[in-house]
Each structure stands twice: as structure tokens, then as C-alpha cells.
Amino acid sequence: MSQCKPWWKEPWPWLLISGPAMAMMGCAVTIWVAMQHGDRPIIDGVVRQGLMIRQAATAAAPAPHGTRDAGNTEAAARP
């Protein structure tokens, strides 16, 4: 009659444990990198609020040429 080996001497438990263990190590590395390297602004004067990126209120940018703005009578008068 053959004796059963202890579980730690079998290859299958280690194979099954290795996937989640590698995912946890990758998560730890990702968190460490995110904490060490802060986000840099894309362009000076640009503010990001959630998913929206817009110009900062201090630097008022002129409206692009040819836009239809109700406050801009010159652009609205052109065909």
C-alpha cells in the first residue's frame, strides 16, 4: 500500500496558490508605484475635476473662431 504525501509536497496546491499570490504581489507593486509617483498636470492652467478636464478659471481662454455663442453677436451675425 502506498503512503500519501503531505499536501505541501504535491505540485497542484502550489500551482493553484501561485495565481492569486502573484495577483496580490502585482497589486502591492501597483499601489506602491501610485503612492510614490504623483500625477503631474497635463498642461499648466488646466484643472481636472473627475473625468472632465477644463481650463482653470484664472486663465480665461478666448472662444475658438467660428463658434456660435449667444453672447458673441459678431459670430452669430455671420452666415
PDB file of N, CA and C in Angstrom:
ATOM      1  N   MET A   1       0.842  -1.170   0.000  1.00  0.00           N
ATOM      2  CA  MET A   1       0.000   0.000   0.000  1.00  0.00           C
ATOM      3  C   MET A   1       0.886   1.233   0.000  1.00  0.00           C
ATOM      4  N   SER A   2       0.536   2.239  -0.845  1.00  0.00           N
ATOM      5  CA  SER A   2       1.363   3.441  -0.938  1.00  0.00           C
ATOM      6  C   SER A   2       0.918   4.481   0.089  1.00  0.00           C
ATOM      7  N   GLN A   3       1.880   5.214   0.562  1.00  0.00           N
ATOM      8  CA  GLN A   3       1.564   6.267   1.517  1.00  0.00           C
ATOM      9  C   GLN A   3       1.245   7.554   0.765  1.00  0.00           C
ATOM     10  N   CYS A   4       0.334   8.338   1.284  1.00  0.00           N
ATOM     11  CA  CYS A   4       0.004   9.637   0.701  1.00  0.00           C
ATOM     12  C   CYS A   4       1.037  10.649   1.177  1.00  0.00           C
ATOM     13  N   LYS A   5       1.463  11.495   0.236  1.00  0.00           N
ATOM     14  CA  LYS A   5       2.403  12.555   0.590  1.00  0.00           C
ATOM     15  C   LYS A   5       1.644  13.697   1.251  1.00  0.00           C
ATOM     16  N   PRO A   6       2.311  14.470   2.110  1.00  0.00           N
ATOM     17  CA  PRO A   6       1.666  15.659   2.672  1.00  0.00           C
ATOM     18  C   PRO A   6       1.325  16.646   1.553  1.00  0.00           C
ATOM     19  N   TRP A   7       0.350  17.513   1.790  1.00  0.00           N
ATOM     20  CA  TRP A   7      -0.126  18.416   0.740  1.00  0.00           C
ATOM     21  C   TRP A   7       0.949  19.350   0.248  1.00  0.00           C
ATOM     22  N   TRP A   8       1.882  19.767   1.097  1.00  0.00           N
ATOM     23  CA  TRP A   8       2.905  20.724   0.675  1.00  0.00           C
ATOM     24  C   TRP A   8       3.968  20.100  -0.218  1.00  0.00           C
ATOM     25  N   LYS A   9       3.947  18.786  -0.338  1.00  0.00           N
ATOM     26  CA  LYS A   9       4.893  18.116  -1.237  1.00  0.00           C
ATOM     27  C   LYS A   9       4.256  17.790  -2.592  1.00  0.00           C
ATOM     28  N   GLU A  10       3.005  18.108  -2.754  1.00  0.00           N
ATOM     29  CA  GLU A  10       2.311  17.912  -4.030  1.00  0.00           C
ATOM     30  C   GLU A  10       2.433  19.180  -4.872  1.00  0.00           C
ATOM     31  N   PRO A  11       2.531  19.068  -6.197  1.00  0.00           N
ATOM     32  CA  PRO A  11       2.684  20.269  -7.030  1.00  0.00           C
ATOM     33  C   PRO A  11       1.371  21.043  -7.236  1.00  0.00           C
ATOM     34  N   TRP A  12       0.203  20.399  -7.186  1.00  0.00           N
ATOM     35  CA  TRP A  12      -1.062  21.046  -7.511  1.00  0.00           C
ATOM     36  C   TRP A  12      -1.453  22.159  -6.553  1.00  0.00           C
ATOM     37  N   PRO A  13      -1.318  21.991  -5.250  1.00  0.00           N
ATOM     38  CA  PRO A  13      -1.676  23.125  -4.386  1.00  0.00           C
ATOM     39  C   PRO A  13      -0.818  24.356  -4.656  1.00  0.00           C
ATOM     40  N   TRP A  14       0.461  24.172  -4.938  1.00  0.00           N
ATOM     41  CA  TRP A  14       1.351  25.305  -5.207  1.00  0.00           C
ATOM     42  C   TRP A  14       0.992  25.971  -6.531  1.00  0.00           C
ATOM     43  N   LEU A  15       0.581  25.181  -7.491  1.00  0.00           N
ATOM     44  CA  LEU A  15       0.151  25.749  -8.768  1.00  0.00           C
ATOM     45  C   LEU A  15      -1.118  26.573  -8.579  1.00  0.00           C
ATOM     46  N   LEU A  16      -2.042  26.084  -7.776  1.00  0.00           N
ATOM     47  CA  LEU A  16      -3.290  26.817  -7.536  1.00  0.00           C
ATOM     48  C   LEU A  16      -3.074  28.048  -6.663  1.00  0.00           C
ATOM     49  N   ILE A  17      -2.138  28.008  -5.756  1.00  0.00           N
ATOM     50  CA  ILE A  17      -1.848  29.146  -4.879  1.00  0.00           C
ATOM     51  C   ILE A  17      -1.057  30.223  -5.616  1.00  0.00           C
ATOM     52  N   SER A  18      -0.270  29.839  -6.616  1.00  0.00           N
ATOM     53  CA  SER A  18       0.631  30.797  -7.274  1.00  0.00           C
ATOM     54  C   SER A  18      -0.117  31.913  -8.013  1.00  0.00           C
ATOM     55  N   GLY A  19      -1.260  31.641  -8.628  1.00  0.00           N
ATOM     56  CA  GLY A  19      -2.010  32.671  -9.361  1.00  0.00           C
ATOM     57  C   GLY A  19      -2.485  33.807  -8.463  1.00  0.00           C
ATOM     58  N   PRO A  20      -3.257  33.499  -7.418  1.00  0.00           N
ATOM     59  CA  PRO A  20      -3.683  34.579  -6.514  1.00  0.00           C
ATOM     60  C   PRO A  20      -2.513  35.256  -5.798  1.00  0.00           C
ATOM     61  N   ALA A  21      -1.465  34.510  -5.484  1.00  0.00           N
ATOM     62  CA  ALA A  21      -0.306  35.117  -4.815  1.00  0.00           C
ATOM     63  C   ALA A  21       0.374  36.129  -5.734  1.00  0.00           C
ATOM     64  N   MET A  22       0.508  35.799  -7.021  1.00  0.00           N
ATOM     65  CA  MET A  22       1.118  36.742  -7.969  1.00  0.00           C
ATOM     66  C   MET A  22       0.223  37.959  -8.176  1.00  0.00           C
ATOM     67  N   ALA A  23      -1.092  37.774  -8.173  1.00  0.00           N
ATOM     68  CA  ALA A  23      -2.009  38.912  -8.305  1.00  0.00           C
ATOM     69  C   ALA A  23      -1.887  39.847  -7.108  1.00  0.00           C
ATOM     70  N   MET A  24      -1.745  39.292  -5.911  1.00  0.00           N
ATOM     71  CA  MET A  24      -1.587  40.124  -4.719  1.00  0.00           C
ATOM     72  C   MET A  24      -0.266  40.888  -4.749  1.00  0.00           C
ATOM     73  N   MET A  25       0.808  40.256  -5.227  1.00  0.00           N
ATOM     74  CA  MET A  25       2.095  40.960  -5.342  1.00  0.00           C
ATOM     75  C   MET A  25       2.012  42.076  -6.383  1.00  0.00           C
ATOM     76  N   GLY A  26       1.346  41.807  -7.508  1.00  0.00           N
ATOM     77  CA  GLY A  26       1.174  42.840  -8.521  1.00  0.00           C
ATOM     78  C   GLY A  26       0.352  44.004  -8.009  1.00  0.00           C
ATOM     79  N   CYS A  27      -0.653  43.736  -7.219  1.00  0.00           N
ATOM     80  CA  CYS A  27      -1.472  44.787  -6.621  1.00  0.00           C
ATOM     81  C   CYS A  27      -0.639  45.627  -5.662  1.00  0.00           C
ATOM     82  N   ALA A  28       0.183  44.985  -4.856  1.00  0.00           N
ATOM     83  CA  ALA A  28       1.037  45.714  -3.917  1.00  0.00           C
ATOM     84  C   ALA A  28       2.031  46.603  -4.663  1.00  0.00           C
ATOM     85  N   VAL A  29       2.609  46.105  -5.738  1.00  0.00           N
ATOM     86  CA  VAL A  29       3.554  46.911  -6.534  1.00  0.00           C
ATOM     87  C   VAL A  29       2.826  48.084  -7.174  1.00  0.00           C
ATOM     88  N   THR A  30       1.631  47.865  -7.694  1.00  0.00           N
ATOM     89  CA  THR A  30       0.860  48.939  -8.314  1.00  0.00           C
ATOM     90  C   THR A  30       0.519  50.023  -7.304  1.00  0.00           C
ATOM     91  N   ILE A  31       0.113  49.642  -6.107  1.00  0.00           N
ATOM     92  CA  ILE A  31      -0.193  50.622  -5.069  1.00  0.00           C
ATOM     93  C   ILE A  31       1.060  51.389  -4.686  1.00  0.00           C
ATOM     94  N   TRP A  32       2.184  50.712  -4.567  1.00  0.00           N
ATOM     95  CA  TRP A  32       3.441  51.383  -4.210  1.00  0.00           C
ATOM     96  C   TRP A  32       3.842  52.398  -5.283  1.00  0.00           C
ATOM     97  N   VAL A  33       3.757  52.009  -6.556  1.00  0.00           N
ATOM     98  CA  VAL A  33       4.117  52.919  -7.651  1.00  0.00           C
ATOM     99  C   VAL A  33       3.175  54.121  -7.659  1.00  0.00           C
ATOM    100  N   ALA A  34       1.877  53.903  -7.446  1.00  0.00           N
ATOM    101  CA  ALA A  34       0.913  55.005  -7.440  1.00  0.00           C
ATOM    102  C   ALA A  34       1.184  55.969  -6.290  1.00  0.00           C
ATOM    103  N   MET A  35       1.603  55.464  -5.150  1.00  0.00           N
ATOM    104  CA  MET A  35       1.880  56.329  -3.999  1.00  0.00           C
ATOM    105  C   MET A  35       3.194  57.092  -4.170  1.00  0.00           C
ATOM    106  N   GLN A  36       4.171  56.516  -4.834  1.00  0.00           N
ATOM    107  CA  GLN A  36       5.481  57.145  -4.989  1.00  0.00           C
ATOM    108  C   GLN A  36       5.499  58.196  -6.098  1.00  0.00           C
ATOM    109  N   HIS A  37       4.743  57.987  -7.146  1.00  0.00           N
ATOM    110  CA  HIS A  37       4.764  58.867  -8.317  1.00  0.00           C
ATOM    111  C   HIS A  37       3.406  59.530  -8.467  1.00  0.00           C
ATOM    112  N   GLY A  38       3.314  60.794  -8.033  1.00  0.00           N
ATOM    113  CA  GLY A  38       2.053  61.527  -8.128  1.00  0.00           C
ATOM    114  C   GLY A  38       1.744  61.921  -9.563  1.00  0.00           C
ATOM    115  N   ASP A  39       0.478  62.219  -9.801  1.00  0.00           N
ATOM    116  CA  ASP A  39       0.062  62.662 -11.131  1.00  0.00           C
ATOM    117  C   ASP A  39       0.591  64.059 -11.396  1.00  0.00           C
ATOM    118  N   ARG A  40       1.090  64.265 -12.589  1.00  0.00           N
ATOM    119  CA  ARG A  40       1.568  65.583 -12.995  1.00  0.00           C
ATOM    120  C   ARG A  40       0.488  66.228 -13.869  1.00  0.00           C
ATOM    121  N   PRO A  41       0.376  67.560 -13.808  1.00  0.00           N
ATOM    122  CA  PRO A  41      -0.621  68.208 -14.673  1.00  0.00           C
ATOM    123  C   PRO A  41      -0.272  68.040 -16.145  1.00  0.00           C
ATOM    124  N   ILE A  42      -1.288  67.931 -16.976  1.00  0.00           N
ATOM    125  CA  ILE A  42      -1.075  67.774 -18.410  1.00  0.00           C
ATOM    126  C   ILE A  42      -0.494  69.063 -18.983  1.00  0.00           C
ATOM    127  N   ILE A  43      -1.152  70.174 -18.722  1.00  0.00           N
ATOM    128  CA  ILE A  43      -0.732  71.499 -19.192  1.00  0.00           C
ATOM    129  C   ILE A  43      -0.947  72.459 -18.040  1.00  0.00           C
ATOM    130  N   ASP A  44      -0.063  73.451 -17.904  1.00  0.00           N
ATOM    131  CA  ASP A  44      -0.264  74.459 -16.866  1.00  0.00           C
ATOM    132  C   ASP A  44      -1.556  75.204 -17.125  1.00  0.00           C
ATOM    133  N   GLY A  45      -2.321  75.455 -16.089  1.00  0.00           N
ATOM    134  CA  GLY A  45      -3.579  76.180 -16.218  1.00  0.00           C
ATOM    135  C   GLY A  45      -4.765  75.294 -16.518  1.00  0.00           C
ATOM    136  N   VAL A  46      -4.591  73.982 -16.463  1.00  0.00           N
ATOM    137  CA  VAL A  46      -5.679  73.051 -16.733  1.00  0.00           C
ATOM    138  C   VAL A  46      -6.041  72.359 -15.435  1.00  0.00           C
ATOM    139  N   VAL A  47      -7.339  72.242 -15.175  1.00  0.00           N
ATOM    140  CA  VAL A  47      -7.833  71.628 -13.956  1.00  0.00           C
ATOM    141  C   VAL A  47      -8.612  70.376 -14.332  1.00  0.00           C
ATOM    142  N   ARG A  48      -8.411  69.302 -13.577  1.00  0.00           N
ATOM    143  CA  ARG A  48      -9.172  68.077 -13.812  1.00  0.00           C
ATOM    144  C   ARG A  48     -10.123  67.873 -12.646  1.00  0.00           C
ATOM    145  N   GLN A  49     -11.401  67.774 -12.958  1.00  0.00           N
ATOM    146  CA  GLN A  49     -12.432  67.514 -11.961  1.00  0.00           C
ATOM    147  C   GLN A  49     -13.159  66.248 -12.382  1.00  0.00           C
ATOM    148  N   GLY A  50     -12.822  65.136 -11.755  1.00  0.00           N
ATOM    149  CA  GLY A  50     -13.411  63.859 -12.141  1.00  0.00           C
ATOM    150  C   GLY A  50     -12.908  63.475 -13.517  1.00  0.00           C
ATOM    151  N   LEU A  51     -13.814  63.221 -14.438  1.00  0.00           N
ATOM    152  CA  LEU A  51     -13.427  62.854 -15.796  1.00  0.00           C
ATOM    153  C   LEU A  51     -13.321  64.054 -16.730  1.00  0.00           C
ATOM    154  N   MET A  52     -13.734  65.243 -16.249  1.00  0.00           N
ATOM    155  CA  MET A  52     -13.730  66.435 -17.084  1.00  0.00           C
ATOM    156  C   MET A  52     -12.437  67.222 -16.892  1.00  0.00           C
ATOM    157  N   ILE A  53     -11.813  67.607 -17.992  1.00  0.00           N
ATOM    158  CA  ILE A  53     -10.608  68.432 -17.960  1.00  0.00           C
ATOM    159  C   ILE A  53     -10.968  69.777 -18.580  1.00  0.00           C
ATOM    160  N   ARG A  54     -10.716  70.860 -17.854  1.00  0.00           N
ATOM    161  CA  ARG A  54     -11.078  72.182 -18.363  1.00  0.00           C
ATOM    162  C   ARG A  54     -10.006  73.191 -17.988  1.00  0.00           C
ATOM    163  N   GLN A  55     -10.079  74.361 -18.611  1.00  0.00           N
ATOM    164  CA  GLN A  55      -9.148  75.446 -18.302  1.00  0.00           C
ATOM    165  C   GLN A  55      -9.428  75.966 -16.905  1.00  0.00           C
ATOM    166  N   ALA A  56      -8.394  76.398 -16.215  1.00  0.00           N
ATOM    167  CA  ALA A  56      -8.568  76.985 -14.889  1.00  0.00           C
ATOM    168  C   ALA A  56      -9.291  78.314 -15.012  1.00  0.00           C
ATOM    169  N   ALA A  57     -10.003  78.730 -13.979  1.00  0.00           N
ATOM    170  CA  ALA A  57     -10.786  79.960 -14.007  1.00  0.00           C
ATOM    171  C   ALA A  57      -9.895  81.191 -14.079  1.00  0.00           C
ATOM    172  N   THR A  58      -8.654  81.104 -13.625  1.00  0.00           N
ATOM    173  CA  THR A  58      -7.774  82.268 -13.629  1.00  0.00           C
ATOM    174  C   THR A  58      -7.316  82.626 -15.034  1.00  0.00           C
ATOM    175  N   ALA A  59      -7.174  81.652 -15.894  1.00  0.00           N
ATOM    176  CA  ALA A  59      -6.730  81.912 -17.263  1.00  0.00           C
ATOM    177  C   ALA A  59      -7.919  81.761 -18.198  1.00  0.00           C
ATOM    178  N   ALA A  60      -8.594  82.883 -18.488  1.00  0.00           N
ATOM    179  CA  ALA A  60      -9.770  82.852 -19.361  1.00  0.00           C
ATOM    180  C   ALA A  60      -9.307  82.773 -20.807  1.00  0.00           C
ATOM    181  N   ALA A  61      -9.620  81.672 -21.461  1.00  0.00           N
ATOM    182  CA  ALA A  61      -9.208  81.473 -22.848  1.00  0.00           C
ATOM    183  C   ALA A  61     -10.282  82.046 -23.771  1.00  0.00           C
ATOM    184  N   PRO A  62      -9.895  82.681 -24.884  1.00  0.00           N
ATOM    185  CA  PRO A  62     -10.899  83.194 -25.825  1.00  0.00           C
ATOM    186  C   PRO A  62     -11.607  82.041 -26.528  1.00  0.00           C
ATOM    187  N   ALA A  63     -12.844  82.298 -26.947  1.00  0.00           N
ATOM    188  CA  ALA A  63     -13.608  81.277 -27.647  1.00  0.00           C
ATOM    189  C   ALA A  63     -12.969  81.014 -29.005  1.00  0.00           C
ATOM    190  N   PRO A  64     -12.987  79.776 -29.467  1.00  0.00           N
ATOM    191  CA  PRO A  64     -12.425  79.474 -30.782  1.00  0.00           C
ATOM    192  C   PRO A  64     -13.183  80.197 -31.886  1.00  0.00           C
ATOM    193  N   HIS A  65     -12.511  80.525 -32.970  1.00  0.00           N
ATOM    194  CA  HIS A  65     -13.094  81.266 -34.086  1.00  0.00           C
ATOM    195  C   HIS A  65     -14.189  80.439 -34.754  1.00  0.00           C
ATOM    196  N   GLY A  66     -15.320  81.088 -35.030  1.00  0.00           N
ATOM    197  CA  GLY A  66     -16.396  80.435 -35.763  1.00  0.00           C
ATOM    198  C   GLY A  66     -17.398  79.720 -34.882  1.00  0.00           C
ATOM    199  N   THR A  67     -17.329  79.886 -33.564  1.00  0.00           N
ATOM    200  CA  THR A  67     -18.305  79.220 -32.701  1.00  0.00           C
ATOM    201  C   THR A  67     -19.568  80.052 -32.621  1.00  0.00           C
ATOM    202  N   ARG A  68     -20.688  79.418 -32.443  1.00  0.00           N
ATOM    203  CA  ARG A  68     -21.982  80.089 -32.313  1.00  0.00           C
ATOM    204  C   ARG A  68     -22.273  80.275 -30.830  1.00  0.00           C
ATOM    205  N   ASP A  69     -21.963  81.457 -30.318  1.00  0.00           N
ATOM    206  CA  ASP A  69     -22.169  81.771 -28.911  1.00  0.00           C
ATOM    207  C   ASP A  69     -23.219  82.867 -28.825  1.00  0.00           C
ATOM    208  N   ALA A  70     -24.199  82.740 -27.927  1.00  0.00           N
ATOM    209  CA  ALA A  70     -25.273  83.726 -27.803  1.00  0.00           C
ATOM    210  C   ALA A  70     -24.720  85.083 -27.366  1.00  0.00           C
ATOM    211  N   GLY A  71     -23.671  85.111 -26.583  1.00  0.00           N
ATOM    212  CA  GLY A  71     -23.097  86.366 -26.126  1.00  0.00           C
ATOM    213  C   GLY A  71     -22.208  87.019 -27.169  1.00  0.00           C
ATOM    214  N   ASN A  72     -21.817  86.297 -28.189  1.00  0.00           N
ATOM    215  CA  ASN A  72     -20.923  86.809 -29.213  1.00  0.00           C
ATOM    216  C   ASN A  72     -21.758  87.165 -30.442  1.00  0.00           C
ATOM    217  N   THR A  73     -22.133  88.460 -30.587  1.00  0.00           N
ATOM    218  CA  THR A  73     -23.019  88.879 -31.673  1.00  0.00           C
ATOM    219  C   THR A  73     -22.305  88.865 -33.014  1.00  0.00           C
ATOM    220  N   GLU A  74     -20.998  89.089 -33.009  1.00  0.00           N
ATOM    221  CA  GLU A  74     -20.249  89.100 -34.272  1.00  0.00           C
ATOM    222  C   GLU A  74     -20.257  87.707 -34.907  1.00  0.00           C
ATOM    223  N   ALA A  75     -20.046  86.670 -34.109  1.00  0.00           N
ATOM    224  CA  ALA A  75     -20.040  85.307 -34.638  1.00  0.00           C
ATOM    225  C   ALA A  75     -21.445  84.884 -35.033  1.00  0.00           C
ATOM    226  N   ALA A  76     -22.481  85.355 -34.327  1.00  0.00           N
ATOM    227  CA  ALA A  76     -23.853  84.960 -34.631  1.00  0.00           C
ATOM    228  C   ALA A  76     -24.350  85.651 -35.890  1.00  0.00           C
ATOM    229  N   ALA A  77     -23.814  86.837 -36.231  1.00  0.00           N
ATOM    230  CA  ALA A  77     -24.288  87.577 -37.400  1.00  0.00           C
ATOM    231  C   ALA A  77     -23.760  86.952 -38.691  1.00  0.00           C
ATOM    232  N   ARG A  78     -22.648  86.259 -38.648  1.00  0.00           N
ATOM    233  CA  ARG A  78     -22.082  85.652 -39.868  1.00  0.00           C
ATOM    234  C   ARG A  78     -22.871  84.413 -40.273  1.00  0.00           C
ATOM    235  N   PRO A  79     -23.013  84.195 -41.606  1.00  0.00           N
ATOM    236  CA  PRO A  79     -23.750  83.010 -42.065  1.00  0.00           C
ATOM    237  C   PRO A  79     -22.977  81.739 -41.864  1.00  0.00           C
TER     238      PRO A  79
END
